[in-house]
Amino acid sequence: MKKSNLLLLLIVFFLGSCTVLKKVETVTPDYSVSLKEVELPANSKETFGDIITIESLNDTMRYVFEDEFFKIYWYVGFDRFYFTMFNKSSYPIKIVWDDVAFVNMDQSVSKMIHAGIKYSQRNEAQVATTIPKGAKLEDILVPVVNIELDREWTIIPLFNEHAIGTDAVERASVYQGKTMRILFPVRIQDIENDYTFVFKVDEVKAMPTTITVHDEKAEETRGAILFGICFIGLAGIIAIPFIKHL
């Protein structure tokens, strides 16, 4: 086979193996979640209205809870909770991770893991963390029930709705007004204080987004063109010996 014919076939093969992509404008569900309420220990004298505030950090809304023992910042992510906790007391604060629990919007309960725990060890005991007085802890919390192994480890979104399109937004709207809770016990001087942070989905709206998808029509057109090129090329290869004998 001549080099020119081989080159033609290689070009056709290369073009045929390339995927044709296009950008499409669509929408995806966007959730507005707030720290709605904090259920305090029975002996607490603090009141709800004085201890929850809102702050903005890098255009991200964080919710702040504060009492005489600690100050904690919360941010709800796509598949996990982020928090920063400051120990305001004169004593060390201990977080017993195995006592932390997540109550989903359907009222199902799950254990949670924090940063540094391997997904493969998600059901094992976690070592407690102590925050000395005047110190802070930056960490995350992930519901164990949302961690799955399917060839590789993945975390299911908190709202279990990450599809795209108007239909996806309509399906996601059922979450509006529902709540999630984190039971977050802290130990101070060997006394366990049970705090429950209640997060509410205030609004679900359509967020414009751009996605990249296969352009099936363009691929069909390209396939027809490449078929024609191959047909003409092969016909030419077959015809050349006959032409030479003329």
Protein backbone atom coordinates (compact mmCIF):
# COMPACT_ATOMS: atom_id res chain seq x y z
CA MET A 1 0.00 0.00 0.00
CA LYS A 2 1.37 3.43 -0.92
CA LYS A 3 2.22 5.90 1.82
CA SER A 4 -0.42 8.32 0.55
CA ASN A 5 -3.14 5.69 0.85
CA LEU A 6 -1.95 4.66 4.29
CA LEU A 7 -1.93 8.28 5.38
CA LEU A 8 -5.49 8.73 4.11
CA LEU A 9 -6.70 5.72 6.08
CA LEU A 10 -4.92 6.92 9.23
CA ILE A 11 -6.52 10.35 8.92
CA VAL A 12 -9.96 8.81 8.43
CA PHE A 13 -9.44 6.51 11.43
CA PHE A 14 -8.29 9.41 13.62
CA LEU A 15 -11.21 11.61 12.66
CA GLY A 16 -13.65 8.75 13.13
CA SER A 17 -12.41 8.06 16.66
CA CYS A 18 -12.83 11.68 17.82
CA THR A 19 -15.99 12.58 19.73
CA VAL A 20 -17.92 15.62 18.60
CA LEU A 21 -18.92 17.77 21.56
CA LYS A 22 -21.13 20.81 21.96
CA LYS A 23 -22.07 23.17 24.77
CA VAL A 24 -25.69 23.36 25.90
CA GLU A 25 -27.31 25.97 28.13
CA THR A 26 -29.58 24.41 30.77
CA VAL A 27 -30.49 24.67 34.46
CA THR A 28 -29.65 22.68 37.58
CA PRO A 29 -31.19 22.73 41.09
CA ASP A 30 -29.70 25.30 43.44
CA TYR A 31 -30.43 24.89 47.16
CA SER A 32 -30.53 27.70 49.70
CA VAL A 33 -29.94 26.14 53.14
CA SER A 34 -29.81 27.97 56.46
CA LEU A 35 -29.14 27.15 60.10
CA LYS A 36 -32.72 27.56 61.24
CA GLU A 37 -32.58 26.53 64.87
CA VAL A 38 -30.32 25.17 67.59
CA GLU A 39 -31.76 22.90 70.23
CA LEU A 40 -29.70 23.57 73.33
CA PRO A 41 -28.83 21.46 76.37
CA ALA A 42 -31.58 21.40 78.99
CA ASN A 43 -29.57 23.50 81.43
CA SER A 44 -28.73 26.23 78.91
CA LYS A 45 -30.08 29.73 79.62
CA GLU A 46 -29.27 31.13 76.18
CA THR A 47 -32.07 32.09 73.80
CA PHE A 48 -32.47 31.28 70.13
CA GLY A 49 -32.65 34.85 68.81
CA ASP A 50 -29.37 36.01 70.34
CA ILE A 51 -27.04 33.26 69.18
CA ILE A 52 -27.56 32.63 65.46
CA THR A 53 -26.11 35.13 63.03
CA ILE A 54 -25.09 35.15 59.36
CA GLU A 55 -21.71 36.11 57.94
CA SER A 56 -20.31 36.20 54.42
CA LEU A 57 -16.91 34.73 53.56
CA ASN A 58 -15.70 34.89 49.94
CA ASP A 59 -19.29 35.36 48.74
CA THR A 60 -20.35 32.27 50.72
CA MET A 61 -22.95 32.49 53.46
CA ARG A 62 -21.88 31.03 56.81
CA TYR A 63 -24.13 30.58 59.81
CA VAL A 64 -22.75 31.27 63.25
CA PHE A 65 -23.87 29.86 66.59
CA GLU A 66 -22.40 31.13 69.84
CA ASP A 67 -22.94 30.58 73.52
CA GLU A 68 -20.78 30.85 76.65
CA PHE A 69 -18.78 27.70 75.76
CA PHE A 70 -17.96 27.93 72.06
CA LYS A 71 -18.53 29.67 68.76
CA ILE A 72 -19.13 27.60 65.64
CA TYR A 73 -19.39 28.50 61.95
CA TRP A 74 -21.40 26.24 59.63
CA TYR A 75 -21.49 26.00 55.86
CA VAL A 76 -23.60 23.41 54.01
CA GLY A 77 -21.82 22.03 50.93
CA PHE A 78 -22.94 19.82 48.07
CA ASP A 79 -22.31 16.55 49.90
CA ARG A 80 -20.96 17.49 53.34
CA PHE A 81 -21.06 19.98 56.20
CA TYR A 82 -18.13 22.29 56.91
CA PHE A 83 -17.58 23.83 60.33
CA THR A 84 -15.05 25.81 62.35
CA MET A 85 -15.35 25.65 66.13
CA PHE A 86 -13.70 28.03 68.64
CA ASN A 87 -13.39 27.03 72.29
CA LYS A 88 -14.38 30.09 74.34
CA SER A 89 -14.46 28.31 77.69
CA SER A 90 -11.74 27.90 80.28
CA TYR A 91 -11.76 24.12 79.84
CA PRO A 92 -10.93 21.69 77.02
CA ILE A 93 -13.88 20.70 74.82
CA LYS A 94 -14.04 17.12 73.60
CA ILE A 95 -15.97 15.98 70.53
CA VAL A 96 -16.85 12.30 70.62
CA TRP A 97 -17.36 11.62 66.94
CA ASP A 98 -19.14 8.32 67.47
CA ASP A 99 -21.91 10.22 69.27
CA VAL A 100 -22.45 12.67 66.40
CA ALA A 101 -25.51 11.72 64.32
CA PHE A 102 -27.24 12.95 61.17
CA VAL A 103 -31.04 13.00 60.82
CA ASN A 104 -31.98 13.26 57.15
CA MET A 105 -35.07 14.93 55.70
CA ASP A 106 -36.90 11.59 55.72
CA GLN A 107 -36.06 11.24 59.47
CA SER A 108 -33.59 8.40 58.88
CA VAL A 109 -30.55 8.45 61.17
CA SER A 110 -26.93 7.92 60.18
CA LYS A 111 -23.54 8.00 61.78
CA MET A 112 -21.15 10.70 60.54
CA ILE A 113 -17.41 10.75 59.87
CA HIS A 114 -15.06 13.71 59.95
CA ALA A 115 -11.88 14.61 58.06
CA GLY A 116 -9.08 12.06 58.13
CA ILE A 117 -11.30 8.99 58.31
CA LYS A 118 -10.93 6.66 55.32
CA TYR A 119 -14.17 5.77 53.59
CA SER A 120 -13.30 2.09 53.95
CA GLN A 121 -13.22 2.61 57.76
CA ARG A 122 -16.44 4.60 57.93
CA ASN A 123 -18.16 2.09 60.23
CA GLU A 124 -15.26 1.78 62.66
CA ALA A 125 -14.84 3.70 65.93
CA GLN A 126 -13.41 7.22 65.66
CA VAL A 127 -10.96 8.72 68.12
CA ALA A 128 -12.37 11.72 69.97
CA THR A 129 -10.91 15.18 69.33
CA THR A 130 -10.04 17.63 72.14
CA ILE A 131 -10.05 21.37 71.52
CA PRO A 132 -7.94 23.18 74.15
CA LYS A 133 -9.21 26.46 75.58
CA GLY A 134 -8.69 29.35 73.18
CA ALA A 135 -8.08 26.97 70.26
CA LYS A 136 -10.15 26.21 67.15
CA LEU A 137 -10.98 23.16 65.02
CA GLU A 138 -11.72 23.24 61.28
CA ASP A 139 -13.39 20.06 60.09
CA ILE A 140 -16.10 18.46 57.96
CA LEU A 141 -18.93 16.00 58.58
CA VAL A 142 -20.20 13.43 56.06
CA PRO A 143 -23.17 11.10 56.66
CA VAL A 144 -21.93 7.50 56.49
CA VAL A 145 -25.12 6.40 54.75
CA ASN A 146 -24.17 8.61 51.78
CA ILE A 147 -20.80 6.93 51.22
CA GLU A 148 -20.89 4.22 48.54
CA LEU A 149 -18.40 1.96 46.77
CA ASP A 150 -19.03 1.40 43.07
CA ARG A 151 -15.63 0.67 41.53
CA GLU A 152 -14.50 3.77 43.42
CA TRP A 153 -15.66 5.61 46.53
CA THR A 154 -18.33 8.25 45.98
CA ILE A 155 -20.45 10.47 48.22
CA ILE A 156 -24.13 10.88 47.43
CA PRO A 157 -25.24 14.55 47.47
CA LEU A 158 -27.05 15.65 50.62
CA PHE A 159 -30.17 16.26 48.57
CA ASN A 160 -29.72 13.21 46.32
CA GLU A 161 -30.63 15.33 43.30
CA HIS A 162 -27.82 16.41 41.00
CA ALA A 163 -29.52 15.96 37.62
CA ILE A 164 -29.95 18.77 35.12
CA GLY A 165 -32.89 20.31 33.32
CA THR A 166 -36.22 21.85 34.25
CA ASP A 167 -37.61 18.44 35.28
CA ALA A 168 -34.74 18.00 37.75
CA VAL A 169 -35.51 21.36 39.33
CA GLU A 170 -39.18 20.42 39.67
CA ARG A 171 -38.26 17.11 41.33
CA ALA A 172 -35.86 18.87 43.68
CA SER A 173 -38.52 21.36 44.76
CA VAL A 174 -40.00 18.69 47.07
CA TYR A 175 -37.08 19.40 49.43
CA GLN A 176 -38.10 23.02 49.94
CA GLY A 177 -39.14 23.62 53.54
CA LYS A 178 -37.68 20.33 54.81
CA THR A 179 -35.02 20.10 57.51
CA MET A 180 -31.89 18.13 58.33
CA ARG A 181 -30.44 17.86 61.82
CA ILE A 182 -27.03 17.16 63.29
CA LEU A 183 -26.89 15.87 66.86
CA PHE A 184 -23.59 17.32 68.07
CA PRO A 185 -22.70 16.41 71.67
CA VAL A 186 -19.70 18.14 73.27
CA ARG A 187 -18.08 17.17 76.56
CA ILE A 188 -16.94 19.85 78.98
CA GLN A 189 -15.51 18.76 82.35
CA ASP A 190 -16.77 15.22 81.64
CA ILE A 191 -20.34 16.48 81.22
CA GLU A 192 -21.95 15.80 77.87
CA ASN A 193 -23.90 18.74 76.45
CA ASP A 194 -26.24 17.78 73.61
CA TYR A 195 -26.61 20.38 70.86
CA THR A 196 -28.81 19.78 67.83
CA PHE A 197 -28.26 21.97 64.77
CA VAL A 198 -31.33 22.21 62.53
CA PHE A 199 -30.74 23.12 58.87
CA LYS A 200 -33.66 24.10 56.65
CA VAL A 201 -33.93 24.13 52.86
CA ASP A 202 -35.36 27.62 52.43
CA GLU A 203 -35.55 27.62 48.64
CA VAL A 204 -34.87 25.50 45.58
CA LYS A 205 -34.42 27.43 42.36
CA ALA A 206 -33.14 26.92 38.83
CA MET A 207 -29.51 27.92 38.38
CA PRO A 208 -28.34 28.53 34.78
CA THR A 209 -25.45 26.27 33.83
CA THR A 210 -23.53 25.18 30.75
CA ILE A 211 -22.80 21.52 30.10
CA THR A 212 -20.82 19.69 27.42
CA VAL A 213 -22.61 16.84 25.64
CA HIS A 214 -22.17 14.61 22.60
CA ASP A 215 -23.38 16.21 19.37
CA GLU A 216 -25.10 13.18 17.87
CA LYS A 217 -26.28 14.99 14.74
CA ALA A 218 -22.79 16.27 13.99
CA GLU A 219 -21.34 12.79 14.58
CA GLU A 220 -23.85 11.28 12.13
CA THR A 221 -22.95 13.89 9.50
CA ARG A 222 -19.26 13.33 10.04
CA GLY A 223 -19.76 9.57 9.80
CA ALA A 224 -21.48 9.94 6.44
CA ILE A 225 -18.68 12.17 5.14
CA LEU A 226 -15.97 9.79 6.34
CA PHE A 227 -17.81 6.86 4.76
CA GLY A 228 -17.83 8.73 1.47
CA ILE A 229 -14.12 9.50 1.78
CA CYS A 230 -13.33 5.86 2.52
CA PHE A 231 -15.48 4.66 -0.35
CA ILE A 232 -13.86 7.02 -2.85
CA GLY A 233 -10.39 6.23 -1.52
CA LEU A 234 -10.85 2.48 -1.71
CA ALA A 235 -12.44 2.78 -5.14
CA GLY A 236 -9.42 4.76 -6.27
CA ILE A 237 -7.00 2.16 -4.88
CA ILE A 238 -8.85 -0.63 -6.69
CA ALA A 239 -9.13 1.33 -9.94
CA ILE A 240 -5.48 2.41 -10.19
CA PRO A 241 -4.15 -0.95 -11.56
CA PHE A 242 -6.89 -1.00 -14.24
CA ILE A 243 -6.17 2.59 -15.21
CA LYS A 244 -2.44 1.80 -15.62
CA HIS A 245 -3.24 -0.96 -18.13
CA LEU A 246 -5.26 1.35 -20.34
